[in-house]
């Protein structure tokens, strides 16, 4: 999570909320959610 946060210039906490399915209740934008998941998918390939 720290690597993703650093690469995308967001907090580790935000990445954690997104990856743990709590993004909506924390009002994280769909755009940022998509950005994180695209980064995760890209790194897994």
Protein backbone atom coordinates (compact mmCIF):
# COMPACT_ATOMS: atom_id res chain seq x y z
CA UNK A 1 0.00 0.00 0.00
CA UNK A 2 2.84 2.38 0.75
CA UNK A 3 4.24 1.96 -2.76
CA UNK A 4 0.86 2.66 -4.34
CA UNK A 5 0.33 5.71 -2.13
CA UNK A 6 3.76 7.10 -2.96
CA UNK A 7 3.38 6.49 -6.69
CA UNK A 8 -0.07 8.11 -6.85
CA UNK A 9 0.78 10.84 -4.31
CA UNK A 10 -2.06 9.97 -1.96
CA UNK A 11 -2.08 8.78 1.65
CA UNK A 12 -1.66 5.16 2.69
CA UNK A 13 -4.91 5.50 4.58
CA UNK A 14 -6.77 6.42 1.39
CA UNK A 15 -5.30 3.42 -0.42
CA UNK A 16 -6.31 1.21 2.49
CA UNK A 17 -9.90 2.48 2.45
CA UNK A 18 -10.13 1.84 -1.29
CA UNK A 19 -8.66 -1.66 -1.19
CA UNK A 20 -10.79 -2.63 1.83
CA UNK A 21 -14.04 -1.51 0.21
CA UNK A 22 -14.64 1.49 2.44
CA UNK A 23 -14.10 4.18 -0.19
CA UNK A 24 -17.77 5.08 -0.60
CA UNK A 25 -18.41 5.58 3.11
CA UNK A 26 -15.29 7.78 3.26
CA UNK A 27 -16.50 9.75 0.21
CA UNK A 28 -13.49 8.96 -1.96
CA UNK A 29 -14.13 9.88 -5.58
CA UNK A 30 -14.82 7.25 -8.22
CA UNK A 31 -11.98 8.74 -10.24
CA UNK A 32 -9.45 8.09 -7.46
CA UNK A 33 -10.84 4.60 -6.84
CA UNK A 34 -10.40 3.76 -10.53
CA UNK A 35 -6.89 5.21 -10.52
CA UNK A 36 -5.84 2.99 -7.60
CA UNK A 37 -7.36 -0.17 -9.07
CA UNK A 38 -5.78 0.49 -12.49
CA UNK A 39 -2.41 0.89 -10.79
CA UNK A 40 -2.89 -2.35 -8.83
CA UNK A 41 -3.89 -4.27 -11.98
CA UNK A 42 -0.96 -2.86 -13.96
CA UNK A 43 1.53 -3.90 -11.28
CA UNK A 44 0.13 -7.44 -11.15
CA UNK A 45 0.68 -8.07 -14.87
